[in-house]
């Protein structure tokens, strides 16, 4: 049995990756998938909905690969900086993820991302929750700060990233690197 939705998704992913969001049309996707435009609308209400679904999957997959590549024995500063640096590199080298910084796309993408993130914290939240607990027991980060507060520091980075236009898109992603550095250095300053 042919899974038309999967075909649309896969063709859309291939086209968005090679041509970008703006230069990919529904007709391009349906032609590649060998279906009519009406069939596309049976599965997705718009090109944006398809793209957002593809983006979310690509983002999650990339984060998982980065987490798998990390050495969990690295000190907290090194580990978190590696994660953020690799994520920025992936966003710059992946045409789909690069759309996060495309003015024509990011407002709607950020809104979709916030709605999806509210419904699903995802594996990354769980990964960092466990990692922070581990670091606390090892004395690598401050124990006078509540676990939820530590997570809130990192959650605030996502909030800042989803408001990059108000802050000034020309500052991104460098501002995130500095904020990560400041947060993790503050958290690892275990002097009493």
C-alpha atoms as a PDB file:
ATOM      1  CA  UNK A   1       0.000   0.000   0.000  1.00  0.00           C
ATOM      2  CA  UNK A   2       1.282   3.461  -0.915  1.00  0.00           C
ATOM      3  CA  UNK A   3       1.534   5.942   1.948  1.00  0.00           C
ATOM      4  CA  UNK A   4       0.718   9.198   0.175  1.00  0.00           C
ATOM      5  CA  UNK A   5       1.270  11.334   3.254  1.00  0.00           C
ATOM      6  CA  UNK A   6       4.768   9.877   3.669  1.00  0.00           C
ATOM      7  CA  UNK A   7       5.456  10.467  -0.022  1.00  0.00           C
ATOM      8  CA  UNK A   8       4.352  14.096   0.268  1.00  0.00           C
ATOM      9  CA  UNK A   9       6.457  14.525   3.402  1.00  0.00           C
ATOM     10  CA  UNK A  10       9.571  12.945   1.846  1.00  0.00           C
ATOM     11  CA  UNK A  11       9.255  14.844  -1.436  1.00  0.00           C
ATOM     12  CA  UNK A  12       8.637  18.074   0.463  1.00  0.00           C
ATOM     13  CA  UNK A  13      11.682  17.453   2.633  1.00  0.00           C
ATOM     14  CA  UNK A  14      13.873  16.810  -0.407  1.00  0.00           C
ATOM     15  CA  UNK A  15      12.640  19.930  -2.198  1.00  0.00           C
ATOM     16  CA  UNK A  16      12.793  22.204   0.849  1.00  0.00           C
ATOM     17  CA  UNK A  17      16.328  20.983   1.477  1.00  0.00           C
ATOM     18  CA  UNK A  18      17.484  21.581  -2.088  1.00  0.00           C
ATOM     19  CA  UNK A  19      15.476  24.691  -3.020  1.00  0.00           C
ATOM     20  CA  UNK A  20      14.474  26.273   0.291  1.00  0.00           C
ATOM     21  CA  UNK A  21      11.019  27.176   1.530  1.00  0.00           C
ATOM     22  CA  UNK A  22      10.340  30.152  -0.722  1.00  0.00           C
ATOM     23  CA  UNK A  23      11.341  28.455  -3.981  1.00  0.00           C
ATOM     24  CA  UNK A  24       9.398  25.259  -3.326  1.00  0.00           C
ATOM     25  CA  UNK A  25       5.777  25.225  -4.434  1.00  0.00           C
ATOM     26  CA  UNK A  26       2.991  22.788  -3.752  1.00  0.00           C
ATOM     27  CA  UNK A  27       2.968  21.941  -7.445  1.00  0.00           C
ATOM     28  CA  UNK A  28       6.676  20.989  -7.216  1.00  0.00           C
ATOM     29  CA  UNK A  29       5.917  18.671  -4.311  1.00  0.00           C
ATOM     30  CA  UNK A  30       2.879  17.058  -5.916  1.00  0.00           C
ATOM     31  CA  UNK A  31       4.702  16.575  -9.213  1.00  0.00           C
ATOM     32  CA  UNK A  32       7.590  14.835  -7.471  1.00  0.00           C
ATOM     33  CA  UNK A  33       5.176  12.722  -5.403  1.00  0.00           C
ATOM     34  CA  UNK A  34       3.139  11.820  -8.486  1.00  0.00           C
ATOM     35  CA  UNK A  35      -0.138  13.069  -7.046  1.00  0.00           C
ATOM     36  CA  UNK A  36      -2.638  15.814  -7.771  1.00  0.00           C
ATOM     37  CA  UNK A  37      -2.721  19.105  -5.892  1.00  0.00           C
ATOM     38  CA  UNK A  38      -6.097  18.166  -4.410  1.00  0.00           C
ATOM     39  CA  UNK A  39      -4.546  15.058  -2.880  1.00  0.00           C
ATOM     40  CA  UNK A  40      -1.929  17.243  -1.193  1.00  0.00           C
ATOM     41  CA  UNK A  41      -4.709  19.148   0.570  1.00  0.00           C
ATOM     42  CA  UNK A  42      -6.179  15.889   1.868  1.00  0.00           C
ATOM     43  CA  UNK A  43      -3.086  15.612   4.059  1.00  0.00           C
ATOM     44  CA  UNK A  44      -1.805  19.171   4.602  1.00  0.00           C
ATOM     45  CA  UNK A  45      -3.752  22.416   4.700  1.00  0.00           C
ATOM     46  CA  UNK A  46      -0.826  24.430   3.312  1.00  0.00           C
ATOM     47  CA  UNK A  47       2.796  24.364   2.247  1.00  0.00           C
ATOM     48  CA  UNK A  48       3.605  25.985   5.602  1.00  0.00           C
ATOM     49  CA  UNK A  49       2.006  23.146   7.598  1.00  0.00           C
ATOM     50  CA  UNK A  50       4.042  20.595   5.670  1.00  0.00           C
ATOM     51  CA  UNK A  51       7.213  22.618   6.105  1.00  0.00           C
ATOM     52  CA  UNK A  52       6.644  23.092   9.840  1.00  0.00           C
ATOM     53  CA  UNK A  53       6.162  19.357  10.318  1.00  0.00           C
ATOM     54  CA  UNK A  54       9.343  18.672   8.339  1.00  0.00           C
ATOM     55  CA  UNK A  55      11.214  21.362  10.263  1.00  0.00           C
ATOM     56  CA  UNK A  56      10.209  19.957  13.644  1.00  0.00           C
ATOM     57  CA  UNK A  57      11.324  16.449  12.653  1.00  0.00           C
ATOM     58  CA  UNK A  58      14.605  17.721  11.218  1.00  0.00           C
ATOM     59  CA  UNK A  59      15.261  19.819  14.322  1.00  0.00           C
ATOM     60  CA  UNK A  60      14.567  16.913  16.687  1.00  0.00           C
ATOM     61  CA  UNK A  61      16.691  14.501  14.620  1.00  0.00           C
ATOM     62  CA  UNK A  62      19.598  16.959  14.554  1.00  0.00           C
ATOM     63  CA  UNK A  63      19.463  17.544  18.308  1.00  0.00           C
ATOM     64  CA  UNK A  64      19.465  13.795  18.950  1.00  0.00           C
ATOM     65  CA  UNK A  65      22.526  13.307  16.742  1.00  0.00           C
ATOM     66  CA  UNK A  66      24.333  16.127  18.522  1.00  0.00           C
ATOM     67  CA  UNK A  67      23.475  14.742  21.965  1.00  0.00           C
ATOM     68  CA  UNK A  68      24.739  11.302  20.883  1.00  0.00           C
ATOM     69  CA  UNK A  69      28.047  12.869  19.790  1.00  0.00           C
ATOM     70  CA  UNK A  70      28.690  14.599  23.128  1.00  0.00           C
ATOM     71  CA  UNK A  71      31.121  13.277  25.702  1.00  0.00           C
ATOM     72  CA  UNK A  72      29.073  13.360  28.908  1.00  0.00           C
ATOM     73  CA  UNK A  73      32.307  13.307  30.901  1.00  0.00           C
ATOM     74  CA  UNK A  74      33.276  16.750  29.584  1.00  0.00           C
ATOM     75  CA  UNK A  75      33.039  19.567  32.079  1.00  0.00           C
ATOM     76  CA  UNK A  76      29.677  21.403  31.960  1.00  0.00           C
ATOM     77  CA  UNK A  77      31.020  24.510  30.199  1.00  0.00           C
ATOM     78  CA  UNK A  78      32.687  22.492  27.438  1.00  0.00           C
ATOM     79  CA  UNK A  79      29.715  20.175  26.968  1.00  0.00           C
ATOM     80  CA  UNK A  80      27.067  22.894  26.738  1.00  0.00           C
ATOM     81  CA  UNK A  81      29.211  25.075  24.482  1.00  0.00           C
ATOM     82  CA  UNK A  82      29.812  22.087  22.182  1.00  0.00           C
ATOM     83  CA  UNK A  83      26.080  21.432  22.034  1.00  0.00           C
ATOM     84  CA  UNK A  84      25.213  25.030  21.146  1.00  0.00           C
ATOM     85  CA  UNK A  85      28.091  25.389  18.666  1.00  0.00           C
ATOM     86  CA  UNK A  86      27.138  22.161  16.894  1.00  0.00           C
ATOM     87  CA  UNK A  87      23.486  23.204  16.808  1.00  0.00           C
ATOM     88  CA  UNK A  88      24.384  26.561  15.248  1.00  0.00           C
ATOM     89  CA  UNK A  89      26.617  24.816  12.733  1.00  0.00           C
ATOM     90  CA  UNK A  90      23.820  22.386  11.840  1.00  0.00           C
ATOM     91  CA  UNK A  91      21.380  25.259  11.399  1.00  0.00           C
ATOM     92  CA  UNK A  92      23.801  27.006   9.045  1.00  0.00           C
ATOM     93  CA  UNK A  93      24.522  23.909   6.968  1.00  0.00           C
ATOM     94  CA  UNK A  94      21.007  22.457   6.729  1.00  0.00           C
ATOM     95  CA  UNK A  95      18.735  24.316   4.301  1.00  0.00           C
ATOM     96  CA  UNK A  96      15.632  23.326   6.270  1.00  0.00           C
ATOM     97  CA  UNK A  97      16.978  24.391   9.673  1.00  0.00           C
ATOM     98  CA  UNK A  98      18.450  27.557   8.171  1.00  0.00           C
ATOM     99  CA  UNK A  99      14.898  28.818   7.612  1.00  0.00           C
ATOM    100  CA  UNK A 100      14.776  29.550  11.388  1.00  0.00           C
ATOM    101  CA  UNK A 101      16.634  32.754  10.489  1.00  0.00           C
ATOM    102  CA  UNK A 102      14.697  33.532   7.283  1.00  0.00           C
ATOM    103  CA  UNK A 103      12.592  36.672   7.884  1.00  0.00           C
ATOM    104  CA  UNK A 104       9.934  35.436   5.439  1.00  0.00           C
ATOM    105  CA  UNK A 105       9.393  32.281   7.475  1.00  0.00           C
ATOM    106  CA  UNK A 106      10.515  32.595  11.079  1.00  0.00           C
ATOM    107  CA  UNK A 107       7.541  34.412  12.627  1.00  0.00           C
ATOM    108  CA  UNK A 108       5.108  31.655  11.662  1.00  0.00           C
ATOM    109  CA  UNK A 109       7.700  28.978  12.345  1.00  0.00           C
ATOM    110  CA  UNK A 110       8.385  30.380  15.818  1.00  0.00           C
ATOM    111  CA  UNK A 111       4.669  30.448  16.608  1.00  0.00           C
ATOM    112  CA  UNK A 112       4.302  26.845  15.454  1.00  0.00           C
ATOM    113  CA  UNK A 113       7.417  25.867  17.411  1.00  0.00           C
ATOM    114  CA  UNK A 114       6.115  27.473  20.606  1.00  0.00           C
ATOM    115  CA  UNK A 115       2.759  25.696  20.227  1.00  0.00           C
ATOM    116  CA  UNK A 116       4.423  22.345  19.595  1.00  0.00           C
ATOM    117  CA  UNK A 117       6.970  22.856  22.375  1.00  0.00           C
ATOM    118  CA  UNK A 118       4.170  23.600  24.834  1.00  0.00           C
ATOM    119  CA  UNK A 119       2.564  20.273  23.901  1.00  0.00           C
ATOM    120  CA  UNK A 120       5.788  18.274  23.921  1.00  0.00           C
ATOM    121  CA  UNK A 121       8.873  19.219  25.913  1.00  0.00           C
ATOM    122  CA  UNK A 122      10.819  16.595  24.035  1.00  0.00           C
ATOM    123  CA  UNK A 123      13.823  14.489  24.704  1.00  0.00           C
ATOM    124  CA  UNK A 124      16.188  17.483  24.972  1.00  0.00           C
ATOM    125  CA  UNK A 125      14.408  18.770  28.067  1.00  0.00           C
ATOM    126  CA  UNK A 126      14.652  15.283  29.619  1.00  0.00           C
ATOM    127  CA  UNK A 127      18.306  14.980  28.605  1.00  0.00           C
ATOM    128  CA  UNK A 128      19.301  18.260  30.262  1.00  0.00           C
ATOM    129  CA  UNK A 129      17.160  17.548  33.341  1.00  0.00           C
ATOM    130  CA  UNK A 130      19.072  14.315  33.959  1.00  0.00           C
ATOM    131  CA  UNK A 131      22.406  15.881  33.071  1.00  0.00           C
ATOM    132  CA  UNK A 132      21.915  18.746  35.545  1.00  0.00           C
ATOM    133  CA  UNK A 133      20.949  16.272  38.287  1.00  0.00           C
ATOM    134  CA  UNK A 134      24.106  14.282  37.546  1.00  0.00           C
ATOM    135  CA  UNK A 135      26.268  17.397  37.657  1.00  0.00           C
ATOM    136  CA  UNK A 136      24.707  18.440  40.949  1.00  0.00           C
ATOM    137  CA  UNK A 137      25.504  15.107  42.579  1.00  0.00           C
ATOM    138  CA  UNK A 138      29.065  15.329  41.235  1.00  0.00           C
ATOM    139  CA  UNK A 139      29.468  18.867  42.597  1.00  0.00           C
ATOM    140  CA  UNK A 140      30.009  20.315  39.125  1.00  0.00           C
ATOM    141  CA  UNK A 141      27.209  22.866  39.348  1.00  0.00           C
ATOM    142  CA  UNK A 142      25.769  24.892  42.174  1.00  0.00           C
ATOM    143  CA  UNK A 143      23.513  23.026  44.564  1.00  0.00           C
ATOM    144  CA  UNK A 144      21.956  26.177  45.995  1.00  0.00           C
ATOM    145  CA  UNK A 145      19.834  26.666  42.862  1.00  0.00           C
ATOM    146  CA  UNK A 146      16.649  24.660  42.454  1.00  0.00           C
ATOM    147  CA  UNK A 147      16.590  22.138  39.540  1.00  0.00           C
ATOM    148  CA  UNK A 148      13.577  23.867  38.001  1.00  0.00           C
ATOM    149  CA  UNK A 149      15.367  27.226  38.134  1.00  0.00           C
ATOM    150  CA  UNK A 150      18.377  25.747  36.353  1.00  0.00           C
ATOM    151  CA  UNK A 151      16.089  24.464  33.597  1.00  0.00           C
ATOM    152  CA  UNK A 152      14.370  27.851  33.474  1.00  0.00           C
ATOM    153  CA  UNK A 153      17.707  29.501  32.643  1.00  0.00           C
ATOM    154  CA  UNK A 154      18.061  27.255  29.610  1.00  0.00           C
ATOM    155  CA  UNK A 155      14.396  27.490  28.660  1.00  0.00           C
ATOM    156  CA  UNK A 156      14.855  31.267  28.597  1.00  0.00           C
ATOM    157  CA  UNK A 157      17.376  30.834  25.784  1.00  0.00           C
ATOM    158  CA  UNK A 158      14.632  29.355  23.615  1.00  0.00           C
ATOM    159  CA  UNK A 159      12.396  32.288  24.489  1.00  0.00           C
ATOM    160  CA  UNK A 160      15.139  34.728  23.511  1.00  0.00           C
ATOM    161  CA  UNK A 161      15.787  32.852  20.278  1.00  0.00           C
ATOM    162  CA  UNK A 162      12.100  32.992  19.367  1.00  0.00           C
ATOM    163  CA  UNK A 163      12.177  36.774  19.824  1.00  0.00           C
ATOM    164  CA  UNK A 164      15.324  37.410  17.815  1.00  0.00           C
ATOM    165  CA  UNK A 165      13.761  40.062  15.601  1.00  0.00           C
ATOM    166  CA  UNK A 166      12.821  42.248  18.568  1.00  0.00           C
ATOM    167  CA  UNK A 167      16.342  41.918  19.977  1.00  0.00           C
ATOM    168  CA  UNK A 168      18.029  42.263  16.592  1.00  0.00           C
ATOM    169  CA  UNK A 169      18.479  39.334  14.247  1.00  0.00           C
ATOM    170  CA  UNK A 170      21.965  40.572  13.359  1.00  0.00           C
ATOM    171  CA  UNK A 171      23.039  39.545  16.872  1.00  0.00           C
ATOM    172  CA  UNK A 172      22.087  35.917  16.378  1.00  0.00           C
ATOM    173  CA  UNK A 173      23.441  33.331  16.932  1.00  0.00           C
ATOM    174  CA  UNK A 174      26.394  35.027  18.683  1.00  0.00           C
ATOM    175  CA  UNK A 175      24.175  36.344  21.469  1.00  0.00           C
ATOM    176  CA  UNK A 176      23.102  32.779  22.268  1.00  0.00           C
ATOM    177  CA  UNK A 177      26.708  31.663  22.556  1.00  0.00           C
ATOM    178  CA  UNK A 178      27.463  34.456  25.015  1.00  0.00           C
ATOM    179  CA  UNK A 179      24.316  33.821  27.056  1.00  0.00           C
ATOM    180  CA  UNK A 180      25.088  30.094  27.269  1.00  0.00           C
ATOM    181  CA  UNK A 181      28.610  30.921  28.395  1.00  0.00           C
ATOM    182  CA  UNK A 182      27.376  33.365  31.049  1.00  0.00           C
ATOM    183  CA  UNK A 183      24.707  30.991  32.353  1.00  0.00           C
ATOM    184  CA  UNK A 184      26.879  27.904  32.549  1.00  0.00           C
ATOM    185  CA  UNK A 185      29.801  29.824  34.112  1.00  0.00           C
ATOM    186  CA  UNK A 186      27.400  31.180  36.733  1.00  0.00           C
ATOM    187  CA  UNK A 187      26.027  27.707  37.403  1.00  0.00           C
ATOM    188  CA  UNK A 188      29.487  26.166  37.745  1.00  0.00           C
ATOM    189  CA  UNK A 189      30.736  28.817  40.139  1.00  0.00           C
ATOM    190  CA  UNK A 190      30.382  26.575  43.188  1.00  0.00           C
ATOM    191  CA  UNK A 191      32.137  28.917  45.623  1.00  0.00           C
ATOM    192  CA  UNK A 192      30.041  29.561  48.718  1.00  0.00           C
END
